[in-house]
Amino acid sequence: MKNIFNIMSAASFAGVVFLIGMTVYANVTRQARIDENREYIKSVIEKQVYQSIQLTMPPVTGKVNVGNKTN
């Protein structure tokens, strides 16, 4: 019974040390992940803006419509 208690205590201690280590690692690498995600979102938004501008622009330009102004 004493051996089982010692084995379970060691496993519990190892599990706690592992969880603490993973928490520290996640917090240390957090800023790098945030920066990487920010760059990705920025590139996706930039690509979508250029694509929407190209879709809304007419293929040729003509006279400019100025509304109620008469020439």
N, C-alpha and C. Protein backbone atom coordinates (compact mmCIF):
# COMPACT_ATOMS: atom_id res chain seq x y z
N MET A 1 0.82 -1.19 0.00
CA MET A 1 0.00 0.00 0.00
C MET A 1 0.86 1.25 0.00
N LYS A 2 1.98 1.17 0.72
CA LYS A 2 2.89 2.31 0.80
C LYS A 2 3.50 2.60 -0.58
N ASN A 3 3.81 1.55 -1.35
CA ASN A 3 4.39 1.74 -2.68
C ASN A 3 3.40 2.42 -3.62
N ILE A 4 2.15 2.04 -3.55
CA ILE A 4 1.14 2.64 -4.41
C ILE A 4 1.00 4.13 -4.07
N PHE A 5 1.01 4.44 -2.79
CA PHE A 5 0.93 5.83 -2.35
C PHE A 5 2.12 6.63 -2.86
N ASN A 6 3.32 6.07 -2.78
CA ASN A 6 4.52 6.76 -3.27
C ASN A 6 4.48 6.96 -4.79
N ILE A 7 4.03 5.95 -5.50
CA ILE A 7 3.94 6.06 -6.96
C ILE A 7 2.91 7.11 -7.36
N MET A 8 1.76 7.11 -6.70
CA MET A 8 0.73 8.10 -7.01
C MET A 8 1.18 9.51 -6.62
N SER A 9 1.91 9.64 -5.54
CA SER A 9 2.43 10.95 -5.14
C SER A 9 3.42 11.46 -6.16
N ALA A 10 4.30 10.59 -6.63
CA ALA A 10 5.29 10.99 -7.64
C ALA A 10 4.61 11.36 -8.95
N ALA A 11 3.60 10.60 -9.35
CA ALA A 11 2.88 10.90 -10.59
C ALA A 11 2.13 12.23 -10.46
N SER A 12 1.55 12.47 -9.31
CA SER A 12 0.84 13.73 -9.08
C SER A 12 1.82 14.90 -9.13
N PHE A 13 2.96 14.74 -8.50
CA PHE A 13 3.98 15.80 -8.51
C PHE A 13 4.46 16.06 -9.93
N ALA A 14 4.71 15.00 -10.70
CA ALA A 14 5.16 15.16 -12.08
C ALA A 14 4.09 15.86 -12.92
N GLY A 15 2.83 15.53 -12.67
CA GLY A 15 1.74 16.18 -13.40
C GLY A 15 1.65 17.66 -13.09
N VAL A 16 1.80 18.01 -11.83
CA VAL A 16 1.75 19.42 -11.44
C VAL A 16 2.92 20.18 -12.04
N VAL A 17 4.12 19.59 -12.00
CA VAL A 17 5.29 20.23 -12.59
C VAL A 17 5.09 20.41 -14.09
N PHE A 18 4.52 19.42 -14.75
CA PHE A 18 4.25 19.52 -16.19
C PHE A 18 3.27 20.65 -16.48
N LEU A 19 2.19 20.74 -15.71
CA LEU A 19 1.20 21.79 -15.93
C LEU A 19 1.78 23.18 -15.68
N ILE A 20 2.58 23.31 -14.65
CA ILE A 20 3.23 24.60 -14.38
C ILE A 20 4.18 24.96 -15.52
N GLY A 21 4.93 23.98 -16.00
CA GLY A 21 5.85 24.22 -17.12
C GLY A 21 5.12 24.65 -18.38
N MET A 22 4.00 23.99 -18.67
CA MET A 22 3.22 24.37 -19.86
C MET A 22 2.61 25.75 -19.73
N THR A 23 2.18 26.12 -18.52
CA THR A 23 1.63 27.45 -18.30
C THR A 23 2.70 28.53 -18.50
N VAL A 24 3.89 28.28 -17.98
CA VAL A 24 4.98 29.23 -18.15
C VAL A 24 5.35 29.36 -19.62
N TYR A 25 5.45 28.22 -20.32
CA TYR A 25 5.80 28.24 -21.74
C TYR A 25 4.75 28.99 -22.56
N ALA A 26 3.47 28.76 -22.26
CA ALA A 26 2.40 29.44 -23.01
C ALA A 26 2.46 30.94 -22.78
N ASN A 27 2.75 31.37 -21.57
CA ASN A 27 2.81 32.80 -21.30
C ASN A 27 4.06 33.44 -21.89
N VAL A 28 5.17 32.70 -21.94
CA VAL A 28 6.40 33.25 -22.51
C VAL A 28 6.25 33.43 -24.02
N THR A 29 5.62 32.49 -24.69
CA THR A 29 5.50 32.56 -26.16
C THR A 29 4.23 33.28 -26.61
N ARG A 30 3.48 33.85 -25.69
CA ARG A 30 2.21 34.49 -26.03
C ARG A 30 2.38 35.67 -26.98
N GLN A 31 3.32 36.55 -26.71
CA GLN A 31 3.49 37.74 -27.53
C GLN A 31 3.89 37.38 -28.96
N ALA A 32 4.72 36.36 -29.12
CA ALA A 32 5.11 35.94 -30.47
C ALA A 32 3.89 35.43 -31.24
N ARG A 33 3.02 34.68 -30.58
CA ARG A 33 1.82 34.19 -31.24
C ARG A 33 0.88 35.33 -31.58
N ILE A 34 0.77 36.30 -30.70
CA ILE A 34 -0.09 37.46 -30.96
C ILE A 34 0.42 38.23 -32.17
N ASP A 35 1.74 38.45 -32.23
CA ASP A 35 2.32 39.18 -33.36
C ASP A 35 2.13 38.42 -34.67
N GLU A 36 2.31 37.11 -34.63
CA GLU A 36 2.12 36.30 -35.83
C GLU A 36 0.67 36.35 -36.31
N ASN A 37 -0.27 36.25 -35.39
CA ASN A 37 -1.69 36.32 -35.76
C ASN A 37 -2.05 37.71 -36.28
N ARG A 38 -1.47 38.75 -35.69
CA ARG A 38 -1.74 40.12 -36.13
C ARG A 38 -1.26 40.32 -37.56
N GLU A 39 -0.07 39.82 -37.89
CA GLU A 39 0.46 39.95 -39.26
C GLU A 39 -0.42 39.19 -40.25
N TYR A 40 -0.89 38.00 -39.86
CA TYR A 40 -1.74 37.22 -40.74
C TYR A 40 -3.06 37.95 -41.02
N ILE A 41 -3.70 38.44 -39.96
CA ILE A 41 -4.97 39.16 -40.13
C ILE A 41 -4.76 40.41 -40.98
N LYS A 42 -3.64 41.10 -40.76
CA LYS A 42 -3.34 42.30 -41.53
C LYS A 42 -3.21 41.98 -43.02
N SER A 43 -2.52 40.88 -43.35
CA SER A 43 -2.34 40.51 -44.76
C SER A 43 -3.67 40.09 -45.38
N VAL A 44 -4.50 39.40 -44.62
CA VAL A 44 -5.81 38.98 -45.16
C VAL A 44 -6.69 40.20 -45.41
N ILE A 45 -6.70 41.14 -44.48
CA ILE A 45 -7.51 42.35 -44.66
C ILE A 45 -7.01 43.16 -45.85
N GLU A 46 -5.70 43.29 -45.97
CA GLU A 46 -5.13 44.05 -47.09
C GLU A 46 -5.50 43.41 -48.42
N LYS A 47 -5.42 42.09 -48.50
CA LYS A 47 -5.77 41.39 -49.73
C LYS A 47 -7.24 41.57 -50.05
N GLN A 48 -8.11 41.50 -49.05
CA GLN A 48 -9.54 41.67 -49.28
C GLN A 48 -9.89 43.09 -49.70
N VAL A 49 -9.21 44.08 -49.13
CA VAL A 49 -9.46 45.47 -49.51
C VAL A 49 -9.08 45.69 -50.96
N TYR A 50 -7.90 45.22 -51.37
CA TYR A 50 -7.50 45.37 -52.77
C TYR A 50 -8.47 44.65 -53.70
N GLN A 51 -8.92 43.47 -53.29
CA GLN A 51 -9.84 42.72 -54.12
C GLN A 51 -11.18 43.45 -54.24
N SER A 52 -11.68 44.00 -53.15
CA SER A 52 -12.97 44.71 -53.22
C SER A 52 -12.85 46.00 -54.01
N ILE A 53 -11.71 46.68 -53.93
CA ILE A 53 -11.50 47.88 -54.74
C ILE A 53 -11.50 47.53 -56.22
N GLN A 54 -10.82 46.45 -56.58
CA GLN A 54 -10.77 46.05 -57.98
C GLN A 54 -12.15 45.64 -58.49
N LEU A 55 -12.96 45.01 -57.63
CA LEU A 55 -14.29 44.59 -58.06
C LEU A 55 -15.24 45.77 -58.23
N THR A 56 -15.07 46.83 -57.44
CA THR A 56 -16.01 47.95 -57.51
C THR A 56 -15.59 49.00 -58.53
N MET A 57 -14.37 48.98 -58.99
CA MET A 57 -13.94 49.98 -59.99
C MET A 57 -14.46 49.59 -61.36
N PRO A 58 -14.91 50.56 -62.12
CA PRO A 58 -15.38 50.24 -63.47
C PRO A 58 -14.18 49.89 -64.37
N PRO A 59 -14.43 49.12 -65.43
CA PRO A 59 -13.32 48.75 -66.31
C PRO A 59 -12.76 49.93 -67.10
N VAL A 60 -13.60 50.93 -67.41
CA VAL A 60 -13.14 52.13 -68.11
C VAL A 60 -13.70 53.35 -67.39
N THR A 61 -13.05 54.47 -67.58
CA THR A 61 -13.53 55.69 -66.95
C THR A 61 -14.23 56.55 -67.99
N GLY A 62 -15.16 57.33 -67.56
CA GLY A 62 -15.90 58.21 -68.47
C GLY A 62 -16.13 59.53 -67.77
N LYS A 63 -17.24 60.18 -68.13
CA LYS A 63 -17.58 61.45 -67.50
C LYS A 63 -17.91 61.23 -66.02
N VAL A 64 -17.58 62.21 -65.24
CA VAL A 64 -17.86 62.14 -63.83
C VAL A 64 -19.24 62.70 -63.56
N ASN A 65 -20.07 61.99 -62.82
CA ASN A 65 -21.40 62.44 -62.48
C ASN A 65 -21.28 63.31 -61.23
N VAL A 66 -21.65 64.59 -61.35
CA VAL A 66 -21.54 65.51 -60.22
C VAL A 66 -22.90 65.85 -59.64
N GLY A 67 -23.92 65.10 -59.97
CA GLY A 67 -25.24 65.31 -59.38
C GLY A 67 -26.06 66.33 -60.11
N ASN A 68 -26.56 67.39 -59.41
CA ASN A 68 -27.48 68.37 -59.96
C ASN A 68 -26.75 69.49 -60.73
N LYS A 69 -25.49 69.49 -60.77
CA LYS A 69 -24.74 70.55 -61.43
C LYS A 69 -24.94 70.46 -62.94
N THR A 70 -25.26 71.58 -63.58
CA THR A 70 -25.43 71.60 -65.04
C THR A 70 -24.22 72.26 -65.67
N ASN A 71 -23.83 71.73 -66.82
CA ASN A 71 -22.66 72.28 -67.54
C ASN A 71 -23.10 73.14 -68.68
